[in-house]
Amino acid sequence: MSLAYLAAIVLSAVGVGALDARWRLALFGDPLRALGAIVGTATVLLITDLAGIATGNFRLGASPWMTGIEVLPHLPIEELAFIAFLAYVSLVAFAAGERILAVRRERSGEAP
C-alpha cells in the first residue's frame, strides 16, 4: 500500500489552490459559484466513471503507487480525489483564460 499517487494529487491541488489564491480566479474569487461548478462537474465525471465500471469498460488495475482502498468495487479512493482535482483545475484554467482574454481586450481597446 502506497500513498504516493494520492499525495501527488493532493500536492497538485495545493499548487493549483496557491495560483487560485494569488489571482483570485475561482474559489478565492467567488467561492459559492466555484463550489457549485466543481461539485456539478465532479458529479458528471463520477457518473461517467460509474457507468464505465457498470459496463465493464473500467476496471481496477494493479499499481504499486495506489493505496488499494476501494470506495466501491473498481473505484479507488484516488479516483475520487482525481475527479475533484480535475474539476478544480479545469475551473481555474478556464477562469485564467477568461482573465487573460479580458486583459488583452482591454489593452487593445476593444469593446467587450
PDB file of N, CA and C in Angstrom:
ATOM      1  N   MET A   1       0.850  -1.182   0.000  1.00  0.00           N
ATOM      2  CA  MET A   1       0.000   0.000   0.000  1.00  0.00           C
ATOM      3  C   MET A   1       0.892   1.240   0.000  1.00  0.00           C
ATOM      4  N   SER A   2       0.601   2.164  -0.923  1.00  0.00           N
ATOM      5  CA  SER A   2       1.378   3.377  -1.059  1.00  0.00           C
ATOM      6  C   SER A   2       0.443   4.577  -1.178  1.00  0.00           C
ATOM      7  N   LEU A   3       0.852   5.654  -0.613  1.00  0.00           N
ATOM      8  CA  LEU A   3       0.068   6.890  -0.709  1.00  0.00           C
ATOM      9  C   LEU A   3       0.647   7.841  -1.755  1.00  0.00           C
ATOM     10  N   ALA A   4       1.587   7.376  -2.569  1.00  0.00           N
ATOM     11  CA  ALA A   4       2.292   8.251  -3.498  1.00  0.00           C
ATOM     12  C   ALA A   4       1.354   8.933  -4.495  1.00  0.00           C
ATOM     13  N   TYR A   5       0.474   8.175  -5.123  1.00  0.00           N
ATOM     14  CA  TYR A   5      -0.416   8.749  -6.140  1.00  0.00           C
ATOM     15  C   TYR A   5      -1.401   9.731  -5.512  1.00  0.00           C
ATOM     16  N   LEU A   6      -1.988   9.345  -4.395  1.00  0.00           N
ATOM     17  CA  LEU A   6      -2.924  10.227  -3.698  1.00  0.00           C
ATOM     18  C   LEU A   6      -2.215  11.489  -3.215  1.00  0.00           C
ATOM     19  N   ALA A   7      -1.003  11.339  -2.704  1.00  0.00           N
ATOM     20  CA  ALA A   7      -0.231  12.500  -2.256  1.00  0.00           C
ATOM     21  C   ALA A   7       0.101  13.424  -3.423  1.00  0.00           C
ATOM     22  N   ALA A   8       0.403  12.858  -4.580  1.00  0.00           N
ATOM     23  CA  ALA A   8       0.704  13.678  -5.758  1.00  0.00           C
ATOM     24  C   ALA A   8      -0.522  14.485  -6.192  1.00  0.00           C
ATOM     25  N   ILE A   9      -1.693  13.877  -6.126  1.00  0.00           N
ATOM     26  CA  ILE A   9      -2.928  14.591  -6.476  1.00  0.00           C
ATOM     27  C   ILE A   9      -3.177  15.730  -5.496  1.00  0.00           C
ATOM     28  N   VAL A  10      -3.022  15.437  -4.214  1.00  0.00           N
ATOM     29  CA  VAL A  10      -3.247  16.465  -3.186  1.00  0.00           C
ATOM     30  C   VAL A  10      -2.227  17.588  -3.325  1.00  0.00           C
ATOM     31  N   LEU A  11      -0.970  17.252  -3.553  1.00  0.00           N
ATOM     32  CA  LEU A  11       0.070  18.271  -3.727  1.00  0.00           C
ATOM     33  C   LEU A  11      -0.218  19.136  -4.960  1.00  0.00           C
ATOM     34  N   SER A  12      -0.670  18.522  -6.023  1.00  0.00           N
ATOM     35  CA  SER A  12      -1.027  19.273  -7.226  1.00  0.00           C
ATOM     36  C   SER A  12      -2.208  20.206  -6.961  1.00  0.00           C
ATOM     37  N   ALA A  13      -3.180  19.731  -6.210  1.00  0.00           N
ATOM     38  CA  ALA A  13      -4.340  20.563  -5.863  1.00  0.00           C
ATOM     39  C   ALA A  13      -3.917  21.751  -5.002  1.00  0.00           C
ATOM     40  N   VAL A  14      -2.970  21.542  -4.112  1.00  0.00           N
ATOM     41  CA  VAL A  14      -2.463  22.647  -3.291  1.00  0.00           C
ATOM     42  C   VAL A  14      -1.775  23.686  -4.182  1.00  0.00           C
ATOM     43  N   GLY A  15      -1.020  23.223  -5.166  1.00  0.00           N
ATOM     44  CA  GLY A  15      -0.368  24.148  -6.100  1.00  0.00           C
ATOM     45  C   GLY A  15      -1.375  24.947  -6.905  1.00  0.00           C
ATOM     46  N   VAL A  16      -2.406  24.291  -7.406  1.00  0.00           N
ATOM     47  CA  VAL A  16      -3.458  24.993  -8.147  1.00  0.00           C
ATOM     48  C   VAL A  16      -4.183  25.960  -7.214  1.00  0.00           C
ATOM     49  N   GLY A  17      -4.391  25.533  -5.966  1.00  0.00           N
ATOM     50  CA  GLY A  17      -5.022  26.408  -4.980  1.00  0.00           C
ATOM     51  C   GLY A  17      -4.189  27.651  -4.701  1.00  0.00           C
ATOM     52  N   ALA A  18      -2.869  27.508  -4.698  1.00  0.00           N
ATOM     53  CA  ALA A  18      -1.992  28.666  -4.499  1.00  0.00           C
ATOM     54  C   ALA A  18      -2.129  29.648  -5.658  1.00  0.00           C
ATOM     55  N   LEU A  19      -2.201  29.136  -6.880  1.00  0.00           N
ATOM     56  CA  LEU A  19      -2.416  30.013  -8.039  1.00  0.00           C
ATOM     57  C   LEU A  19      -3.780  30.687  -7.965  1.00  0.00           C
ATOM     58  N   ASP A  20      -4.780  29.920  -7.562  1.00  0.00           N
ATOM     59  CA  ASP A  20      -6.132  30.454  -7.412  1.00  0.00           C
ATOM     60  C   ASP A  20      -6.147  31.556  -6.360  1.00  0.00           C
ATOM     61  N   ALA A  21      -5.481  31.327  -5.237  1.00  0.00           N
ATOM     62  CA  ALA A  21      -5.447  32.324  -4.167  1.00  0.00           C
ATOM     63  C   ALA A  21      -4.721  33.592  -4.621  1.00  0.00           C
ATOM     64  N   ARG A  22      -3.634  33.415  -5.346  1.00  0.00           N
ATOM     65  CA  ARG A  22      -2.841  34.582  -5.789  1.00  0.00           C
ATOM     66  C   ARG A  22      -3.621  35.454  -6.764  1.00  0.00           C
ATOM     67  N   TRP A  23      -4.315  34.842  -7.705  1.00  0.00           N
ATOM     68  CA  TRP A  23      -5.001  35.589  -8.752  1.00  0.00           C
ATOM     69  C   TRP A  23      -6.513  35.680  -8.543  1.00  0.00           C
ATOM     70  N   ARG A  24      -7.027  35.070  -7.484  1.00  0.00           N
ATOM     71  CA  ARG A  24      -8.464  35.094  -7.169  1.00  0.00           C
ATOM     72  C   ARG A  24      -9.302  34.677  -8.386  1.00  0.00           C
ATOM     73  N   LEU A  25      -9.011  33.482  -8.876  1.00  0.00           N
ATOM     74  CA  LEU A  25      -9.637  33.011 -10.106  1.00  0.00           C
ATOM     75  C   LEU A  25     -10.942  32.259  -9.896  1.00  0.00           C
ATOM     76  N   ALA A  26     -11.017  31.417  -8.881  1.00  0.00           N
ATOM     77  CA  ALA A  26     -12.203  30.560  -8.717  1.00  0.00           C
ATOM     78  C   ALA A  26     -12.656  30.569  -7.258  1.00  0.00           C
ATOM     79  N   LEU A  27     -12.177  29.623  -6.474  1.00  0.00           N
ATOM     80  CA  LEU A  27     -12.616  29.506  -5.078  1.00  0.00           C
ATOM     81  C   LEU A  27     -12.319  30.762  -4.263  1.00  0.00           C
ATOM     82  N   PHE A  28     -11.230  31.419  -4.554  1.00  0.00           N
ATOM     83  CA  PHE A  28     -10.868  32.602  -3.792  1.00  0.00           C
ATOM     84  C   PHE A  28     -11.465  33.882  -4.372  1.00  0.00           C
ATOM     85  N   GLY A  29     -12.126  33.771  -5.514  1.00  0.00           N
ATOM     86  CA  GLY A  29     -12.794  34.919  -6.123  1.00  0.00           C
ATOM     87  C   GLY A  29     -14.283  34.930  -5.837  1.00  0.00           C
ATOM     88  N   ASP A  30     -14.936  33.818  -6.103  1.00  0.00           N
ATOM     89  CA  ASP A  30     -16.373  33.664  -5.876  1.00  0.00           C
ATOM     90  C   ASP A  30     -16.611  32.234  -5.384  1.00  0.00           C
ATOM     91  N   PRO A  31     -16.480  32.017  -4.068  1.00  0.00           N
ATOM     92  CA  PRO A  31     -16.485  30.646  -3.542  1.00  0.00           C
ATOM     93  C   PRO A  31     -17.761  29.854  -3.820  1.00  0.00           C
ATOM     94  N   LEU A  32     -18.922  30.450  -3.688  1.00  0.00           N
ATOM     95  CA  LEU A  32     -20.158  29.691  -3.882  1.00  0.00           C
ATOM     96  C   LEU A  32     -20.330  29.227  -5.324  1.00  0.00           C
ATOM     97  N   ARG A  33     -20.085  30.122  -6.263  1.00  0.00           N
ATOM     98  CA  ARG A  33     -20.182  29.729  -7.678  1.00  0.00           C
ATOM     99  C   ARG A  33     -19.147  28.680  -8.029  1.00  0.00           C
ATOM    100  N   ALA A  34     -17.934  28.848  -7.511  1.00  0.00           N
ATOM    101  CA  ALA A  34     -16.862  27.899  -7.801  1.00  0.00           C
ATOM    102  C   ALA A  34     -17.190  26.523  -7.230  1.00  0.00           C
ATOM    103  N   LEU A  35     -17.657  26.477  -5.994  1.00  0.00           N
ATOM    104  CA  LEU A  35     -18.018  25.187  -5.405  1.00  0.00           C
ATOM    105  C   LEU A  35     -19.152  24.525  -6.175  1.00  0.00           C
ATOM    106  N   GLY A  36     -20.123  25.313  -6.609  1.00  0.00           N
ATOM    107  CA  GLY A  36     -21.209  24.757  -7.414  1.00  0.00           C
ATOM    108  C   GLY A  36     -20.703  24.165  -8.713  1.00  0.00           C
ATOM    109  N   ALA A  37     -19.789  24.880  -9.364  1.00  0.00           N
ATOM    110  CA  ALA A  37     -19.224  24.385 -10.625  1.00  0.00           C
ATOM    111  C   ALA A  37     -18.384  23.136 -10.399  1.00  0.00           C
ATOM    112  N   ILE A  38     -17.598  23.121  -9.344  1.00  0.00           N
ATOM    113  CA  ILE A  38     -16.748  21.966  -9.060  1.00  0.00           C
ATOM    114  C   ILE A  38     -17.594  20.747  -8.723  1.00  0.00           C
ATOM    115  N   VAL A  39     -18.585  20.928  -7.859  1.00  0.00           N
ATOM    116  CA  VAL A  39     -19.446  19.797  -7.480  1.00  0.00           C
ATOM    117  C   VAL A  39     -20.231  19.291  -8.690  1.00  0.00           C
ATOM    118  N   GLY A  40     -20.749  20.198  -9.500  1.00  0.00           N
ATOM    119  CA  GLY A  40     -21.500  19.786 -10.690  1.00  0.00           C
ATOM    120  C   GLY A  40     -20.639  19.016 -11.675  1.00  0.00           C
ATOM    121  N   THR A  41     -19.459  19.536 -11.943  1.00  0.00           N
ATOM    122  CA  THR A  41     -18.547  18.869 -12.874  1.00  0.00           C
ATOM    123  C   THR A  41     -18.093  17.521 -12.314  1.00  0.00           C
ATOM    124  N   ALA A  42     -17.746  17.499 -11.040  1.00  0.00           N
ATOM    125  CA  ALA A  42     -17.294  16.250 -10.423  1.00  0.00           C
ATOM    126  C   ALA A  42     -18.411  15.202 -10.428  1.00  0.00           C
ATOM    127  N   THR A  43     -19.642  15.644 -10.249  1.00  0.00           N
ATOM    128  CA  THR A  43     -20.772  14.717 -10.280  1.00  0.00           C
ATOM    129  C   THR A  43     -20.913  14.073 -11.655  1.00  0.00           C
ATOM    130  N   VAL A  44     -20.821  14.882 -12.692  1.00  0.00           N
ATOM    131  CA  VAL A  44     -20.906  14.345 -14.058  1.00  0.00           C
ATOM    132  C   VAL A  44     -19.763  13.365 -14.321  1.00  0.00           C
ATOM    133  N   LEU A  45     -18.563  13.719 -13.906  1.00  0.00           N
ATOM    134  CA  LEU A  45     -17.415  12.824 -14.107  1.00  0.00           C
ATOM    135  C   LEU A  45     -17.569  11.531 -13.313  1.00  0.00           C
ATOM    136  N   LEU A  46     -18.090  11.626 -12.101  1.00  0.00           N
ATOM    137  CA  LEU A  46     -18.297  10.424 -11.293  1.00  0.00           C
ATOM    138  C   LEU A  46     -19.361   9.516 -11.905  1.00  0.00           C
ATOM    139  N   ILE A  47     -20.424  10.118 -12.389  1.00  0.00           N
ATOM    140  CA  ILE A  47     -21.465   9.319 -13.054  1.00  0.00           C
ATOM    141  C   ILE A  47     -20.886   8.614 -14.288  1.00  0.00           C
ATOM    142  N   THR A  48     -20.054   9.308 -15.032  1.00  0.00           N
ATOM    143  CA  THR A  48     -19.400   8.708 -16.192  1.00  0.00           C
ATOM    144  C   THR A  48     -18.510   7.543 -15.762  1.00  0.00           C
ATOM    145  N   ASP A  49     -17.756   7.731 -14.685  1.00  0.00           N
ATOM    146  CA  ASP A  49     -16.916   6.645 -14.171  1.00  0.00           C
ATOM    147  C   ASP A  49     -17.755   5.451 -13.738  1.00  0.00           C
ATOM    148  N   LEU A  50     -18.818   5.714 -13.004  1.00  0.00           N
ATOM    149  CA  LEU A  50     -19.675   4.626 -12.532  1.00  0.00           C
ATOM    150  C   LEU A  50     -20.328   3.882 -13.690  1.00  0.00           C
ATOM    151  N   ALA A  51     -20.706   4.612 -14.735  1.00  0.00           N
ATOM    152  CA  ALA A  51     -21.268   3.956 -15.922  1.00  0.00           C
ATOM    153  C   ALA A  51     -20.216   3.084 -16.595  1.00  0.00           C
ATOM    154  N   GLY A  52     -18.990   3.574 -16.674  1.00  0.00           N
ATOM    155  CA  GLY A  52     -17.909   2.780 -17.251  1.00  0.00           C
ATOM    156  C   GLY A  52     -17.608   1.541 -16.444  1.00  0.00           C
ATOM    157  N   ILE A  53     -17.670   1.655 -15.128  1.00  0.00           N
ATOM    158  CA  ILE A  53     -17.461   0.493 -14.264  1.00  0.00           C
ATOM    159  C   ILE A  53     -18.599  -0.504 -14.439  1.00  0.00           C
ATOM    160  N   ALA A  54     -19.838   0.002 -14.485  1.00  0.00           N
ATOM    161  CA  ALA A  54     -21.010  -0.882 -14.612  1.00  0.00           C
ATOM    162  C   ALA A  54     -21.001  -1.653 -15.930  1.00  0.00           C
ATOM    163  N   THR A  55     -20.511  -1.029 -16.989  1.00  0.00           N
ATOM    164  CA  THR A  55     -20.487  -1.695 -18.292  1.00  0.00           C
ATOM    165  C   THR A  55     -19.242  -2.566 -18.479  1.00  0.00           C
ATOM    166  N   GLY A  56     -18.340  -2.511 -17.530  1.00  0.00           N
ATOM    167  CA  GLY A  56     -17.130  -3.328 -17.614  1.00  0.00           C
ATOM    168  C   GLY A  56     -16.005  -2.678 -18.388  1.00  0.00           C
ATOM    169  N   ASN A  57     -16.173  -1.446 -18.807  1.00  0.00           N
ATOM    170  CA  ASN A  57     -15.121  -0.757 -19.548  1.00  0.00           C
ATOM    171  C   ASN A  57     -13.981  -0.289 -18.645  1.00  0.00           C
ATOM    172  N   PHE A  58     -14.296   0.031 -17.393  1.00  0.00           N
ATOM    173  CA  PHE A  58     -13.282   0.482 -16.436  1.00  0.00           C
ATOM    174  C   PHE A  58     -13.101  -0.606 -15.390  1.00  0.00           C
ATOM    175  N   ARG A  59     -11.854  -0.965 -15.163  1.00  0.00           N
ATOM    176  CA  ARG A  59     -11.530  -1.956 -14.130  1.00  0.00           C
ATOM    177  C   ARG A  59     -10.382  -1.422 -13.309  1.00  0.00           C
ATOM    178  N   LEU A  60     -10.278  -1.920 -12.110  1.00  0.00           N
ATOM    179  CA  LEU A  60      -9.193  -1.533 -11.225  1.00  0.00           C
ATOM    180  C   LEU A  60      -7.934  -2.281 -11.634  1.00  0.00           C
ATOM    181  N   GLY A  61      -6.900  -1.554 -11.965  1.00  0.00           N
ATOM    182  CA  GLY A  61      -5.629  -2.173 -12.318  1.00  0.00           C
ATOM    183  C   GLY A  61      -4.720  -2.247 -11.105  1.00  0.00           C
ATOM    184  N   ALA A  62      -3.712  -3.046 -11.202  1.00  0.00           N
ATOM    185  CA  ALA A  62      -2.743  -3.185 -10.117  1.00  0.00           C
ATOM    186  C   ALA A  62      -1.631  -2.151 -10.305  1.00  0.00           C
ATOM    187  N   SER A  63      -1.334  -1.429  -9.234  1.00  0.00           N
ATOM    188  CA  SER A  63      -0.268  -0.444  -9.287  1.00  0.00           C
ATOM    189  C   SER A  63       0.369  -0.326  -7.909  1.00  0.00           C
ATOM    190  N   PRO A  64       1.685  -0.276  -7.861  1.00  0.00           N
ATOM    191  CA  PRO A  64       2.346  -0.130  -6.561  1.00  0.00           C
ATOM    192  C   PRO A  64       2.186   1.279  -5.978  1.00  0.00           C
ATOM    193  N   TRP A  65       1.654   2.217  -6.755  1.00  0.00           N
ATOM    194  CA  TRP A  65       1.537   3.609  -6.311  1.00  0.00           C
ATOM    195  C   TRP A  65       0.203   3.910  -5.638  1.00  0.00           C
ATOM    196  N   MET A  66      -0.738   2.985  -5.701  1.00  0.00           N
ATOM    197  CA  MET A  66      -2.078   3.232  -5.173  1.00  0.00           C
ATOM    198  C   MET A  66      -2.236   2.672  -3.763  1.00  0.00           C
ATOM    199  N   THR A  67      -3.203   3.220  -3.025  1.00  0.00           N
ATOM    200  CA  THR A  67      -3.434   2.791  -1.644  1.00  0.00           C
ATOM    201  C   THR A  67      -4.068   1.417  -1.570  1.00  0.00           C
ATOM    202  N   GLY A  68      -4.844   1.046  -2.566  1.00  0.00           N
ATOM    203  CA  GLY A  68      -5.570  -0.211  -2.526  1.00  0.00           C
ATOM    204  C   GLY A  68      -6.922  -0.085  -1.847  1.00  0.00           C
ATOM    205  N   ILE A  69      -7.278   1.130  -1.429  1.00  0.00           N
ATOM    206  CA  ILE A  69      -8.571   1.372  -0.793  1.00  0.00           C
ATOM    207  C   ILE A  69      -9.603   1.635  -1.878  1.00  0.00           C
ATOM    208  N   GLU A  70     -10.663   0.838  -1.879  1.00  0.00           N
ATOM    209  CA  GLU A  70     -11.736   0.999  -2.858  1.00  0.00           C
ATOM    210  C   GLU A  70     -12.982   1.537  -2.159  1.00  0.00           C
ATOM    211  N   VAL A  71     -13.551   2.604  -2.710  1.00  0.00           N
ATOM    212  CA  VAL A  71     -14.799   3.155  -2.190  1.00  0.00           C
ATOM    213  C   VAL A  71     -15.949   2.248  -2.608  1.00  0.00           C
ATOM    214  N   LEU A  72     -15.926   1.846  -3.849  1.00  0.00           N
ATOM    215  CA  LEU A  72     -16.839   0.860  -4.431  1.00  0.00           C
ATOM    216  C   LEU A  72     -15.973  -0.103  -5.230  1.00  0.00           C
ATOM    217  N   PRO A  73     -16.503  -1.247  -5.614  1.00  0.00           N
ATOM    218  CA  PRO A  73     -15.686  -2.138  -6.444  1.00  0.00           C
ATOM    219  C   PRO A  73     -15.198  -1.419  -7.719  1.00  0.00           C
ATOM    220  N   HIS A  74     -13.911  -1.492  -7.944  1.00  0.00           N
ATOM    221  CA  HIS A  74     -13.236  -0.888  -9.106  1.00  0.00           C
ATOM    222  C   HIS A  74     -13.204   0.639  -9.061  1.00  0.00           C
ATOM    223  N   LEU A  75     -13.505   1.245  -7.910  1.00  0.00           N
ATOM    224  CA  LEU A  75     -13.446   2.704  -7.755  1.00  0.00           C
ATOM    225  C   LEU A  75     -12.536   3.032  -6.568  1.00  0.00           C
ATOM    226  N   PRO A  76     -11.246   3.232  -6.852  1.00  0.00           N
ATOM    227  CA  PRO A  76     -10.312   3.528  -5.761  1.00  0.00           C
ATOM    228  C   PRO A  76     -10.508   4.950  -5.232  1.00  0.00           C
ATOM    229  N   ILE A  77     -10.069   5.177  -4.030  1.00  0.00           N
ATOM    230  CA  ILE A  77     -10.210   6.480  -3.405  1.00  0.00           C
ATOM    231  C   ILE A  77      -9.440   7.550  -4.196  1.00  0.00           C
ATOM    232  N   GLU A  78      -8.364   7.134  -4.835  1.00  0.00           N
ATOM    233  CA  GLU A  78      -7.593   8.078  -5.654  1.00  0.00           C
ATOM    234  C   GLU A  78      -8.420   8.628  -6.810  1.00  0.00           C
ATOM    235  N   GLU A  79      -9.336   7.835  -7.323  1.00  0.00           N
ATOM    236  CA  GLU A  79     -10.177   8.278  -8.434  1.00  0.00           C
ATOM    237  C   GLU A  79     -11.085   9.426  -8.003  1.00  0.00           C
ATOM    238  N   LEU A  80     -11.612   9.347  -6.793  1.00  0.00           N
ATOM    239  CA  LEU A  80     -12.451  10.443  -6.283  1.00  0.00           C
ATOM    240  C   LEU A  80     -11.627  11.720  -6.121  1.00  0.00           C
ATOM    241  N   ALA A  81     -10.410  11.572  -5.599  1.00  0.00           N
ATOM    242  CA  ALA A  81      -9.533  12.736  -5.456  1.00  0.00           C
ATOM    243  C   ALA A  81      -9.185  13.316  -6.831  1.00  0.00           C
ATOM    244  N   PHE A  82      -8.914  12.441  -7.792  1.00  0.00           N
ATOM    245  CA  PHE A  82      -8.580  12.908  -9.136  1.00  0.00           C
ATOM    246  C   PHE A  82      -9.760  13.620  -9.797  1.00  0.00           C
ATOM    247  N   ILE A  83     -10.952  13.095  -9.614  1.00  0.00           N
ATOM    248  CA  ILE A  83     -12.139  13.729 -10.198  1.00  0.00           C
ATOM    249  C   ILE A  83     -12.323  15.131  -9.633  1.00  0.00           C
ATOM    250  N   ALA A  84     -12.193  15.275  -8.317  1.00  0.00           N
ATOM    251  CA  ALA A  84     -12.321  16.593  -7.693  1.00  0.00           C
ATOM    252  C   ALA A  84     -11.219  17.527  -8.188  1.00  0.00           C
ATOM    253  N   PHE A  85      -9.987  17.001  -8.276  1.00  0.00           N
ATOM    254  CA  PHE A  85      -8.871  17.807  -8.773  1.00  0.00           C
ATOM    255  C   PHE A  85      -9.088  18.228 -10.225  1.00  0.00           C
ATOM    256  N   LEU A  86      -9.545  17.317 -11.050  1.00  0.00           N
ATOM    257  CA  LEU A  86      -9.782  17.628 -12.462  1.00  0.00           C
ATOM    258  C   LEU A  86     -10.829  18.727 -12.615  1.00  0.00           C
ATOM    259  N   ALA A  87     -11.889  18.650 -11.824  1.00  0.00           N
ATOM    260  CA  ALA A  87     -12.922  19.686 -11.880  1.00  0.00           C
ATOM    261  C   ALA A  87     -12.349  21.035 -11.438  1.00  0.00           C
ATOM    262  N   TYR A  88     -11.536  21.041 -10.377  1.00  0.00           N
ATOM    263  CA  TYR A  88     -10.973  22.286  -9.852  1.00  0.00           C
ATOM    264  C   TYR A  88      -9.952  22.891 -10.816  1.00  0.00           C
ATOM    265  N   VAL A  89      -9.033  22.073 -11.315  1.00  0.00           N
ATOM    266  CA  VAL A  89      -8.001  22.599 -12.210  1.00  0.00           C
ATOM    267  C   VAL A  89      -8.630  23.099 -13.514  1.00  0.00           C
ATOM    268  N   SER A  90      -9.693  22.452 -13.972  1.00  0.00           N
ATOM    269  CA  SER A  90     -10.375  22.904 -15.185  1.00  0.00           C
ATOM    270  C   SER A  90     -11.022  24.269 -14.966  1.00  0.00           C
ATOM    271  N   LEU A  91     -11.650  24.439 -13.813  1.00  0.00           N
ATOM    272  CA  LEU A  91     -12.278  25.722 -13.500  1.00  0.00           C
ATOM    273  C   LEU A  91     -11.239  26.831 -13.385  1.00  0.00           C
ATOM    274  N   VAL A  92     -10.134  26.558 -12.726  1.00  0.00           N
ATOM    275  CA  VAL A  92      -9.076  27.563 -12.582  1.00  0.00           C
ATOM    276  C   VAL A  92      -8.477  27.909 -13.946  1.00  0.00           C
ATOM    277  N   ALA A  93      -8.248  26.915 -14.791  1.00  0.00           N
ATOM    278  CA  ALA A  93      -7.699  27.167 -16.129  1.00  0.00           C
ATOM    279  C   ALA A  93      -8.671  27.992 -16.970  1.00  0.00           C
ATOM    280  N   PHE A  94      -9.954  27.668 -16.887  1.00  0.00           N
ATOM    281  CA  PHE A  94     -10.960  28.428 -17.636  1.00  0.00           C
ATOM    282  C   PHE A  94     -11.007  29.876 -17.155  1.00  0.00           C
ATOM    283  N   ALA A  95     -11.007  30.069 -15.837  1.00  0.00           N
ATOM    284  CA  ALA A  95     -11.048  31.425 -15.286  1.00  0.00           C
ATOM    285  C   ALA A  95      -9.785  32.201 -15.655  1.00  0.00           C
ATOM    286  N   ALA A  96      -8.649  31.533 -15.663  1.00  0.00           N
ATOM    287  CA  ALA A  96      -7.405  32.199 -16.055  1.00  0.00           C
ATOM    288  C   ALA A  96      -7.454  32.607 -17.524  1.00  0.00           C
ATOM    289  N   GLY A  97      -7.975  31.730 -18.374  1.00  0.00           N
ATOM    290  CA  GLY A  97      -8.111  32.065 -19.789  1.00  0.00           C
ATOM    291  C   GLY A  97      -9.032  33.255 -20.000  1.00  0.00           C
ATOM    292  N   GLU A  98     -10.146  33.273 -19.287  1.00  0.00           N
ATOM    293  CA  GLU A  98     -11.050  34.423 -19.383  1.00  0.00           C
ATOM    294  C   GLU A  98     -10.357  35.710 -18.953  1.00  0.00           C
ATOM    295  N   ARG A  99      -9.597  35.645 -17.867  1.00  0.00           N
ATOM    296  CA  ARG A  99      -8.897  36.827 -17.362  1.00  0.00           C
ATOM    297  C   ARG A  99      -7.869  37.320 -18.376  1.00  0.00           C
ATOM    298  N   ILE A 100      -7.122  36.411 -18.960  1.00  0.00           N
ATOM    299  CA  ILE A 100      -6.107  36.783 -19.955  1.00  0.00           C
ATOM    300  C   ILE A 100      -6.760  37.449 -21.158  1.00  0.00           C
ATOM    301  N   LEU A 101      -7.851  36.867 -21.656  1.00  0.00           N
ATOM    302  CA  LEU A 101      -8.544  37.454 -22.808  1.00  0.00           C
ATOM    303  C   LEU A 101      -9.128  38.823 -22.471  1.00  0.00           C
ATOM    304  N   ALA A 102      -9.655  38.994 -21.281  1.00  0.00           N
ATOM    305  CA  ALA A 102     -10.214  40.282 -20.872  1.00  0.00           C
ATOM    306  C   ALA A 102      -9.124  41.355 -20.804  1.00  0.00           C
ATOM    307  N   VAL A 103      -7.973  40.990 -20.273  1.00  0.00           N
ATOM    308  CA  VAL A 103      -6.864  41.945 -20.188  1.00  0.00           C
ATOM    309  C   VAL A 103      -6.376  42.309 -21.584  1.00  0.00           C
ATOM    310  N   ARG A 104      -6.285  41.341 -22.467  1.00  0.00           N
ATOM    311  CA  ARG A 104      -5.851  41.630 -23.848  1.00  0.00           C
ATOM    312  C   ARG A 104      -6.834  42.537 -24.564  1.00  0.00           C
ATOM    313  N   ARG A 105      -8.129  42.277 -24.366  1.00  0.00           N
ATOM    314  CA  ARG A 105      -9.149  43.147 -24.982  1.00  0.00           C
ATOM    315  C   ARG A 105      -9.052  44.561 -24.446  1.00  0.00           C
ATOM    316  N   GLU A 106      -8.866  44.657 -23.148  1.00  0.00           N
ATOM    317  CA  GLU A 106      -8.781  45.970 -22.514  1.00  0.00           C
ATOM    318  C   GLU A 106      -7.572  46.745 -23.029  1.00  0.00           C
ATOM    319  N   ARG A 107      -6.451  46.068 -23.177  1.00  0.00           N
ATOM    320  CA  ARG A 107      -5.229  46.723 -23.638  1.00  0.00           C
ATOM    321  C   ARG A 107      -5.329  47.125 -25.105  1.00  0.00           C
ATOM    322  N   SER A 108      -6.058  46.384 -25.891  1.00  0.00           N
ATOM    323  CA  SER A 108      -6.176  46.708 -27.308  1.00  0.00           C
ATOM    324  C   SER A 108      -7.292  47.714 -27.589  1.00  0.00           C
ATOM    325  N   GLY A 109      -8.084  47.996 -26.569  1.00  0.00           N
ATOM    326  CA  GLY A 109      -9.149  48.978 -26.723  1.00  0.00           C
ATOM    327  C   GLY A 109     -10.420  48.434 -27.333  1.00  0.00           C
ATOM    328  N   GLU A 110     -10.546  47.105 -27.431  1.00  0.00           N
ATOM    329  CA  GLU A 110     -11.758  46.503 -27.987  1.00  0.00           C
ATOM    330  C   GLU A 110     -12.895  46.586 -26.989  1.00  0.00           C
ATOM    331  N   ALA A 111     -14.093  46.671 -27.503  1.00  0.00           N
ATOM    332  CA  ALA A 111     -15.276  46.646 -26.650  1.00  0.00           C
ATOM    333  C   ALA A 111     -15.543  45.205 -26.220  1.00  0.00           C
ATOM    334  N   PRO A 112     -16.003  45.004 -24.973  1.00  0.00           N
ATOM    335  CA  PRO A 112     -16.247  43.633 -24.505  1.00  0.00           C
ATOM    336  C   PRO A 112     -17.395  42.958 -25.205  1.00  0.00           C
TER     337      PRO A 112
END
